[in-house]
Amino acid sequence: MKMAEQINIFLDNKPGRLRAVTGILADNGINLRAVVIQDHTDYGMVKMLVDEPCRAREFLTTAGFACALKNVLTVLVPDRPGGLHRLFVALDEKGINVLDAYGFIVESRKEAAVCIEVQSLDAAAAIAEKNGFKLISAEEIYGL
């Protein structure tokens, strides 16, 4: 299964930078699925899950933004108390450290999608599946 790719964008932490990024994506018909913005004082890191990550990187790089694609594991978890906890317990019990994560609701009160960064994507994917979680392929996540 092909893993989804998020685009990581490094930005100066000043007004107008996010607007420029989202404007480039909008102008080129690229749709956001999820976004996380992290502040690091002088600069920021924006992580986006978009429907066309390669095109997004191409347009942003051409506009002078430093960005890179990174594979993430996308897992469906039940949208109820403890759904995410059960996934993290399964990973922790096998020594998998979650480096970064974010999520979004796919269907309220039914499912949420969690994108996680780990050192070993294949091991984490196998653990998630063994514990009854459904993985979402790149094609599925981009098509949401």
N, C-alpha and C. Protein backbone atom coordinates (compact mmCIF):
# COMPACT_ATOMS: atom_id res chain seq x y z
N MET A 1 0.84 -1.18 0.00
CA MET A 1 0.00 0.00 0.00
C MET A 1 0.89 1.24 0.00
N LYS A 2 0.55 2.18 -0.85
CA LYS A 2 1.30 3.42 -0.92
C LYS A 2 0.84 4.35 0.21
N MET A 3 1.82 4.83 0.99
CA MET A 3 1.53 5.75 2.09
C MET A 3 1.27 7.16 1.55
N ALA A 4 0.46 7.89 2.28
CA ALA A 4 0.20 9.28 1.93
C ALA A 4 1.45 10.11 2.18
N GLU A 5 1.59 11.19 1.45
CA GLU A 5 2.69 12.12 1.66
C GLU A 5 2.12 13.46 2.11
N GLN A 6 2.69 13.99 3.18
CA GLN A 6 2.35 15.34 3.59
C GLN A 6 3.44 16.25 3.06
N ILE A 7 3.11 17.51 2.91
CA ILE A 7 4.11 18.48 2.50
C ILE A 7 4.49 19.31 3.73
N ASN A 8 5.78 19.37 4.00
CA ASN A 8 6.31 20.18 5.10
C ASN A 8 6.89 21.45 4.50
N ILE A 9 6.43 22.59 5.00
CA ILE A 9 6.84 23.88 4.46
C ILE A 9 7.47 24.70 5.58
N PHE A 10 8.69 25.18 5.35
CA PHE A 10 9.37 26.03 6.31
C PHE A 10 9.10 27.48 5.95
N LEU A 11 8.63 28.25 6.93
CA LEU A 11 8.25 29.64 6.69
C LEU A 11 8.88 30.58 7.70
N ASP A 12 9.24 31.77 7.24
CA ASP A 12 9.58 32.83 8.19
C ASP A 12 8.33 33.11 8.99
N ASN A 13 8.49 33.35 10.27
CA ASN A 13 7.34 33.59 11.14
C ASN A 13 6.97 35.07 11.08
N LYS A 14 6.28 35.45 10.00
CA LYS A 14 5.84 36.83 9.85
C LYS A 14 4.53 36.89 9.06
N PRO A 15 3.80 37.98 9.22
CA PRO A 15 2.50 38.10 8.56
C PRO A 15 2.59 37.92 7.04
N GLY A 16 1.59 37.28 6.50
CA GLY A 16 1.47 37.13 5.05
C GLY A 16 2.05 35.84 4.49
N ARG A 17 2.87 35.14 5.25
CA ARG A 17 3.51 33.94 4.72
C ARG A 17 2.49 32.81 4.52
N LEU A 18 1.62 32.60 5.49
CA LEU A 18 0.59 31.56 5.34
C LEU A 18 -0.36 31.90 4.19
N ARG A 19 -0.71 33.16 4.12
CA ARG A 19 -1.60 33.61 3.04
C ARG A 19 -0.98 33.31 1.68
N ALA A 20 0.33 33.52 1.55
CA ALA A 20 1.00 33.25 0.29
C ALA A 20 0.92 31.75 -0.06
N VAL A 21 1.16 30.90 0.93
CA VAL A 21 1.12 29.45 0.70
C VAL A 21 -0.29 29.02 0.29
N THR A 22 -1.28 29.40 1.08
CA THR A 22 -2.65 28.97 0.76
C THR A 22 -3.14 29.57 -0.55
N GLY A 23 -2.66 30.76 -0.89
CA GLY A 23 -3.01 31.37 -2.16
C GLY A 23 -2.47 30.58 -3.34
N ILE A 24 -1.23 30.14 -3.24
CA ILE A 24 -0.63 29.32 -4.30
C ILE A 24 -1.42 28.03 -4.49
N LEU A 25 -1.76 27.39 -3.39
CA LEU A 25 -2.53 26.15 -3.48
C LEU A 25 -3.91 26.41 -4.10
N ALA A 26 -4.58 27.44 -3.63
CA ALA A 26 -5.92 27.76 -4.15
C ALA A 26 -5.87 28.10 -5.63
N ASP A 27 -4.89 28.91 -6.02
CA ASP A 27 -4.78 29.31 -7.43
C ASP A 27 -4.53 28.13 -8.36
N ASN A 28 -3.97 27.06 -7.82
CA ASN A 28 -3.64 25.90 -8.63
C ASN A 28 -4.57 24.72 -8.40
N GLY A 29 -5.69 24.96 -7.71
CA GLY A 29 -6.72 23.94 -7.54
C GLY A 29 -6.32 22.78 -6.64
N ILE A 30 -5.42 23.03 -5.70
CA ILE A 30 -4.98 21.99 -4.77
C ILE A 30 -5.77 22.15 -3.49
N ASN A 31 -6.38 21.04 -3.05
CA ASN A 31 -7.29 21.07 -1.91
C ASN A 31 -6.60 20.55 -0.65
N LEU A 32 -6.75 21.26 0.45
CA LEU A 32 -6.22 20.83 1.74
C LEU A 32 -7.15 19.84 2.39
N ARG A 33 -6.56 18.80 2.98
CA ARG A 33 -7.31 17.83 3.77
C ARG A 33 -7.11 18.09 5.25
N ALA A 34 -5.88 18.47 5.62
CA ALA A 34 -5.56 18.77 7.02
C ALA A 34 -4.33 19.68 7.04
N VAL A 35 -4.22 20.47 8.11
CA VAL A 35 -3.08 21.37 8.24
C VAL A 35 -2.70 21.50 9.71
N VAL A 36 -1.40 21.56 9.96
CA VAL A 36 -0.85 21.80 11.30
C VAL A 36 0.19 22.89 11.16
N ILE A 37 0.12 23.88 12.03
CA ILE A 37 1.08 24.98 12.01
C ILE A 37 1.83 24.98 13.33
N GLN A 38 3.17 24.92 13.25
CA GLN A 38 3.99 24.88 14.44
C GLN A 38 4.88 26.12 14.49
N ASP A 39 4.91 26.75 15.64
CA ASP A 39 5.70 27.96 15.85
C ASP A 39 7.05 27.58 16.45
N HIS A 40 8.12 28.12 15.87
CA HIS A 40 9.47 27.93 16.41
C HIS A 40 10.17 29.28 16.50
N THR A 41 9.50 30.27 17.05
CA THR A 41 9.96 31.64 17.27
C THR A 41 10.20 32.39 15.96
N ASP A 42 11.36 32.22 15.33
CA ASP A 42 11.68 32.99 14.13
C ASP A 42 11.13 32.37 12.85
N TYR A 43 10.81 31.11 12.91
CA TYR A 43 10.28 30.44 11.72
C TYR A 43 9.15 29.52 12.15
N GLY A 44 8.43 29.04 11.19
CA GLY A 44 7.36 28.11 11.46
C GLY A 44 7.45 26.91 10.54
N MET A 45 6.80 25.86 10.93
CA MET A 45 6.71 24.66 10.10
C MET A 45 5.22 24.42 9.86
N VAL A 46 4.85 24.32 8.61
CA VAL A 46 3.48 24.01 8.25
C VAL A 46 3.48 22.63 7.63
N LYS A 47 2.65 21.76 8.16
CA LYS A 47 2.49 20.41 7.62
C LYS A 47 1.09 20.32 7.05
N MET A 48 1.02 19.98 5.78
CA MET A 48 -0.27 19.91 5.10
C MET A 48 -0.46 18.57 4.43
N LEU A 49 -1.66 18.08 4.56
CA LEU A 49 -2.09 16.93 3.79
C LEU A 49 -2.98 17.50 2.70
N VAL A 50 -2.55 17.35 1.46
CA VAL A 50 -3.27 17.91 0.32
C VAL A 50 -3.60 16.79 -0.66
N ASP A 51 -4.50 17.08 -1.58
CA ASP A 51 -4.91 16.05 -2.53
C ASP A 51 -3.89 15.79 -3.63
N GLU A 52 -2.97 16.71 -3.85
CA GLU A 52 -1.93 16.54 -4.87
C GLU A 52 -0.59 17.03 -4.33
N PRO A 53 0.06 16.23 -3.49
CA PRO A 53 1.28 16.70 -2.83
C PRO A 53 2.44 17.02 -3.78
N CYS A 54 2.62 16.25 -4.84
CA CYS A 54 3.73 16.53 -5.76
C CYS A 54 3.54 17.86 -6.48
N ARG A 55 2.32 18.12 -6.92
CA ARG A 55 2.04 19.40 -7.57
C ARG A 55 2.20 20.55 -6.58
N ALA A 56 1.73 20.34 -5.34
CA ALA A 56 1.86 21.39 -4.32
C ALA A 56 3.33 21.73 -4.10
N ARG A 57 4.17 20.70 -3.96
CA ARG A 57 5.61 20.95 -3.77
C ARG A 57 6.19 21.70 -4.97
N GLU A 58 5.80 21.29 -6.16
CA GLU A 58 6.32 21.94 -7.37
C GLU A 58 5.98 23.44 -7.39
N PHE A 59 4.72 23.77 -7.14
CA PHE A 59 4.30 25.17 -7.18
C PHE A 59 4.95 25.98 -6.05
N LEU A 60 5.01 25.40 -4.86
CA LEU A 60 5.59 26.13 -3.72
C LEU A 60 7.09 26.31 -3.88
N THR A 61 7.77 25.30 -4.37
CA THR A 61 9.22 25.41 -4.59
C THR A 61 9.51 26.47 -5.66
N THR A 62 8.73 26.46 -6.72
CA THR A 62 8.89 27.46 -7.78
C THR A 62 8.70 28.87 -7.23
N ALA A 63 7.82 29.02 -6.25
CA ALA A 63 7.57 30.34 -5.64
C ALA A 63 8.60 30.69 -4.57
N GLY A 64 9.58 29.82 -4.36
CA GLY A 64 10.66 30.13 -3.43
C GLY A 64 10.51 29.61 -2.01
N PHE A 65 9.53 28.74 -1.78
CA PHE A 65 9.34 28.18 -0.45
C PHE A 65 10.19 26.91 -0.29
N ALA A 66 10.79 26.77 0.88
CA ALA A 66 11.53 25.55 1.21
C ALA A 66 10.51 24.52 1.69
N CYS A 67 10.41 23.42 0.97
CA CYS A 67 9.43 22.41 1.37
C CYS A 67 9.91 21.03 0.95
N ALA A 68 9.32 20.04 1.58
CA ALA A 68 9.67 18.65 1.30
C ALA A 68 8.46 17.77 1.53
N LEU A 69 8.44 16.65 0.86
CA LEU A 69 7.38 15.66 1.07
C LEU A 69 7.87 14.63 2.09
N LYS A 70 6.94 14.17 2.92
CA LYS A 70 7.27 13.18 3.94
C LYS A 70 6.14 12.17 4.00
N ASN A 71 6.49 10.89 4.00
CA ASN A 71 5.48 9.84 4.13
C ASN A 71 4.91 9.84 5.53
N VAL A 72 3.60 9.65 5.61
CA VAL A 72 2.93 9.51 6.90
C VAL A 72 2.01 8.30 6.84
N LEU A 73 1.83 7.69 7.99
CA LEU A 73 0.91 6.58 8.11
C LEU A 73 -0.45 7.16 8.48
N THR A 74 -1.47 6.83 7.72
CA THR A 74 -2.81 7.34 7.99
C THR A 74 -3.69 6.17 8.42
N VAL A 75 -4.25 6.29 9.62
CA VAL A 75 -5.01 5.21 10.24
C VAL A 75 -6.40 5.71 10.59
N LEU A 76 -7.42 4.90 10.32
CA LEU A 76 -8.77 5.22 10.77
C LEU A 76 -8.93 4.74 12.20
N VAL A 77 -9.43 5.62 13.06
CA VAL A 77 -9.72 5.25 14.44
C VAL A 77 -11.17 5.59 14.73
N PRO A 78 -11.79 4.87 15.64
CA PRO A 78 -13.18 5.19 15.98
C PRO A 78 -13.28 6.59 16.58
N ASP A 79 -14.28 7.35 16.16
CA ASP A 79 -14.52 8.70 16.69
C ASP A 79 -15.34 8.57 17.97
N ARG A 80 -14.65 8.12 19.01
CA ARG A 80 -15.28 8.00 20.33
C ARG A 80 -14.16 8.00 21.37
N PRO A 81 -14.48 8.26 22.61
CA PRO A 81 -13.45 8.30 23.64
C PRO A 81 -12.64 7.00 23.67
N GLY A 82 -11.33 7.15 23.67
CA GLY A 82 -10.44 6.00 23.74
C GLY A 82 -10.00 5.44 22.40
N GLY A 83 -10.58 5.90 21.30
CA GLY A 83 -10.23 5.37 19.98
C GLY A 83 -8.76 5.59 19.65
N LEU A 84 -8.29 6.78 19.82
CA LEU A 84 -6.89 7.10 19.55
C LEU A 84 -5.97 6.47 20.59
N HIS A 85 -6.42 6.45 21.82
CA HIS A 85 -5.62 5.85 22.90
C HIS A 85 -5.30 4.39 22.59
N ARG A 86 -6.26 3.65 22.08
CA ARG A 86 -6.05 2.24 21.76
C ARG A 86 -4.95 2.06 20.72
N LEU A 87 -4.90 2.95 19.72
CA LEU A 87 -3.84 2.90 18.71
C LEU A 87 -2.49 3.19 19.34
N PHE A 88 -2.43 4.24 20.16
CA PHE A 88 -1.15 4.60 20.77
C PHE A 88 -0.66 3.54 21.76
N VAL A 89 -1.57 2.87 22.44
CA VAL A 89 -1.17 1.76 23.33
C VAL A 89 -0.55 0.65 22.51
N ALA A 90 -1.18 0.28 21.40
CA ALA A 90 -0.66 -0.80 20.56
C ALA A 90 0.73 -0.48 20.03
N LEU A 91 0.93 0.76 19.60
CA LEU A 91 2.25 1.16 19.09
C LEU A 91 3.28 1.17 20.21
N ASP A 92 2.91 1.75 21.35
CA ASP A 92 3.83 1.84 22.48
C ASP A 92 4.26 0.47 22.98
N GLU A 93 3.33 -0.48 23.03
CA GLU A 93 3.66 -1.82 23.51
C GLU A 93 4.69 -2.52 22.64
N LYS A 94 4.83 -2.08 21.40
CA LYS A 94 5.82 -2.66 20.49
C LYS A 94 7.03 -1.74 20.30
N GLY A 95 7.12 -0.70 21.13
CA GLY A 95 8.29 0.17 21.10
C GLY A 95 8.31 1.18 19.98
N ILE A 96 7.16 1.45 19.38
CA ILE A 96 7.09 2.44 18.30
C ILE A 96 6.83 3.81 18.91
N ASN A 97 7.75 4.74 18.67
CA ASN A 97 7.62 6.11 19.17
C ASN A 97 6.95 6.99 18.12
N VAL A 98 5.88 7.63 18.48
CA VAL A 98 5.20 8.55 17.58
C VAL A 98 5.93 9.89 17.65
N LEU A 99 6.46 10.33 16.52
CA LEU A 99 7.23 11.58 16.46
C LEU A 99 6.32 12.79 16.31
N ASP A 100 5.24 12.60 15.58
CA ASP A 100 4.30 13.70 15.33
C ASP A 100 2.99 13.09 14.88
N ALA A 101 1.90 13.78 15.16
CA ALA A 101 0.59 13.26 14.76
C ALA A 101 -0.41 14.40 14.68
N TYR A 102 -1.39 14.22 13.83
CA TYR A 102 -2.54 15.12 13.76
C TYR A 102 -3.69 14.33 13.17
N GLY A 103 -4.88 14.81 13.39
CA GLY A 103 -6.03 14.06 12.90
C GLY A 103 -7.15 14.95 12.48
N PHE A 104 -8.14 14.33 11.89
CA PHE A 104 -9.35 15.04 11.47
C PHE A 104 -10.49 14.03 11.39
N ILE A 105 -11.69 14.54 11.53
CA ILE A 105 -12.89 13.70 11.49
C ILE A 105 -13.23 13.37 10.04
N VAL A 106 -13.47 12.11 9.77
CA VAL A 106 -13.92 11.69 8.45
C VAL A 106 -15.44 11.71 8.42
N GLU A 107 -16.04 11.08 9.43
CA GLU A 107 -17.49 11.11 9.58
C GLU A 107 -17.80 11.19 11.06
N SER A 108 -18.45 12.28 11.46
CA SER A 108 -18.71 12.54 12.86
C SER A 108 -19.37 11.35 13.56
N ARG A 109 -18.83 11.04 14.72
CA ARG A 109 -19.31 9.96 15.58
C ARG A 109 -19.06 8.57 15.01
N LYS A 110 -18.31 8.51 13.92
CA LYS A 110 -17.98 7.20 13.34
C LYS A 110 -16.47 7.00 13.25
N GLU A 111 -15.80 7.85 12.42
CA GLU A 111 -14.38 7.63 12.19
C GLU A 111 -13.59 8.94 12.15
N ALA A 112 -12.36 8.83 12.61
CA ALA A 112 -11.40 9.92 12.48
C ALA A 112 -10.17 9.35 11.78
N ALA A 113 -9.48 10.18 11.04
CA ALA A 113 -8.22 9.77 10.41
C ALA A 113 -7.08 10.41 11.20
N VAL A 114 -6.07 9.62 11.50
CA VAL A 114 -4.90 10.12 12.22
C VAL A 114 -3.69 9.90 11.33
N CYS A 115 -2.95 10.96 11.09
CA CYS A 115 -1.70 10.89 10.33
C CYS A 115 -0.57 10.90 11.34
N ILE A 116 0.28 9.87 11.28
CA ILE A 116 1.36 9.81 12.25
C ILE A 116 2.71 9.66 11.55
N GLU A 117 3.69 10.32 12.16
CA GLU A 117 5.07 10.19 11.72
C GLU A 117 5.78 9.31 12.74
N VAL A 118 6.40 8.27 12.24
CA VAL A 118 7.18 7.35 13.06
C VAL A 118 8.44 7.00 12.28
N GLN A 119 9.44 6.46 12.98
CA GLN A 119 10.67 6.09 12.29
C GLN A 119 10.46 4.89 11.38
N SER A 120 9.63 3.95 11.78
CA SER A 120 9.40 2.76 10.97
C SER A 120 7.93 2.69 10.56
N LEU A 121 7.63 3.22 9.39
CA LEU A 121 6.25 3.22 8.90
C LEU A 121 5.71 1.80 8.70
N ASP A 122 6.53 0.92 8.14
CA ASP A 122 6.06 -0.44 7.88
C ASP A 122 5.73 -1.18 9.17
N ALA A 123 6.58 -1.04 10.19
CA ALA A 123 6.33 -1.71 11.47
C ALA A 123 5.06 -1.15 12.11
N ALA A 124 4.90 0.17 12.10
CA ALA A 124 3.71 0.79 12.69
C ALA A 124 2.46 0.36 11.93
N ALA A 125 2.54 0.27 10.61
CA ALA A 125 1.39 -0.16 9.81
C ALA A 125 0.99 -1.59 10.18
N ALA A 126 1.96 -2.46 10.31
CA ALA A 126 1.67 -3.86 10.66
C ALA A 126 1.03 -3.96 12.04
N ILE A 127 1.53 -3.19 12.99
CA ILE A 127 0.97 -3.20 14.35
C ILE A 127 -0.46 -2.69 14.34
N ALA A 128 -0.69 -1.59 13.63
CA ALA A 128 -2.04 -1.02 13.57
C ALA A 128 -3.02 -2.03 12.97
N GLU A 129 -2.64 -2.64 11.86
CA GLU A 129 -3.53 -3.62 11.23
C GLU A 129 -3.76 -4.83 12.12
N LYS A 130 -2.72 -5.32 12.78
CA LYS A 130 -2.85 -6.48 13.67
C LYS A 130 -3.82 -6.19 14.81
N ASN A 131 -3.93 -4.91 15.19
CA ASN A 131 -4.82 -4.52 16.28
C ASN A 131 -6.19 -4.05 15.80
N GLY A 132 -6.50 -4.34 14.54
CA GLY A 132 -7.84 -4.09 14.02
C GLY A 132 -8.09 -2.71 13.44
N PHE A 133 -7.05 -1.93 13.24
CA PHE A 133 -7.23 -0.60 12.65
C PHE A 133 -7.10 -0.70 11.14
N LYS A 134 -7.88 0.12 10.44
CA LYS A 134 -7.81 0.17 8.98
C LYS A 134 -6.85 1.27 8.57
N LEU A 135 -5.94 0.93 7.67
CA LEU A 135 -5.02 1.92 7.12
C LEU A 135 -5.68 2.57 5.91
N ILE A 136 -5.36 3.82 5.68
CA ILE A 136 -5.89 4.54 4.53
C ILE A 136 -4.75 4.73 3.54
N SER A 137 -4.94 4.31 2.32
CA SER A 137 -3.91 4.45 1.30
C SER A 137 -3.83 5.91 0.83
N ALA A 138 -2.76 6.21 0.14
CA ALA A 138 -2.59 7.56 -0.41
C ALA A 138 -3.78 7.93 -1.29
N GLU A 139 -4.18 7.01 -2.16
CA GLU A 139 -5.28 7.29 -3.09
C GLU A 139 -6.58 7.58 -2.34
N GLU A 140 -6.83 6.82 -1.28
CA GLU A 140 -8.05 7.03 -0.49
C GLU A 140 -8.03 8.38 0.22
N ILE A 141 -6.91 8.73 0.83
CA ILE A 141 -6.85 9.98 1.59
C ILE A 141 -6.91 11.18 0.66
N TYR A 142 -6.26 11.10 -0.50
CA TYR A 142 -6.30 12.22 -1.43
C TYR A 142 -7.70 12.40 -2.02
N GLY A 143 -8.47 11.32 -2.07
CA GLY A 143 -9.80 11.37 -2.65
C GLY A 143 -10.91 11.77 -1.69
N LEU A 144 -10.58 11.94 -0.40
CA LEU A 144 -11.62 12.31 0.56
C LEU A 144 -12.25 13.65 0.22
